Amino acid sequence: MKTLEFYRNLPEKECRECGCKINEQHESYLYECEHCMNKHEE
């Protein structure tokens, strides 16, 4: 399997807190959406 093909077939990432889809590259290290990350900072 080619590397590009592997990344294209990964499922969409979901936020650990609320379950919303994360609009980020699949190989990123984010596990929470911006909304939930901002809640932790407040």
Foldseek 3Di string as FASTA:
>chain_A
DDPVVVQVPDDFAAAPPPRHTEPDRPPDPDRHHPVVVVVVVD
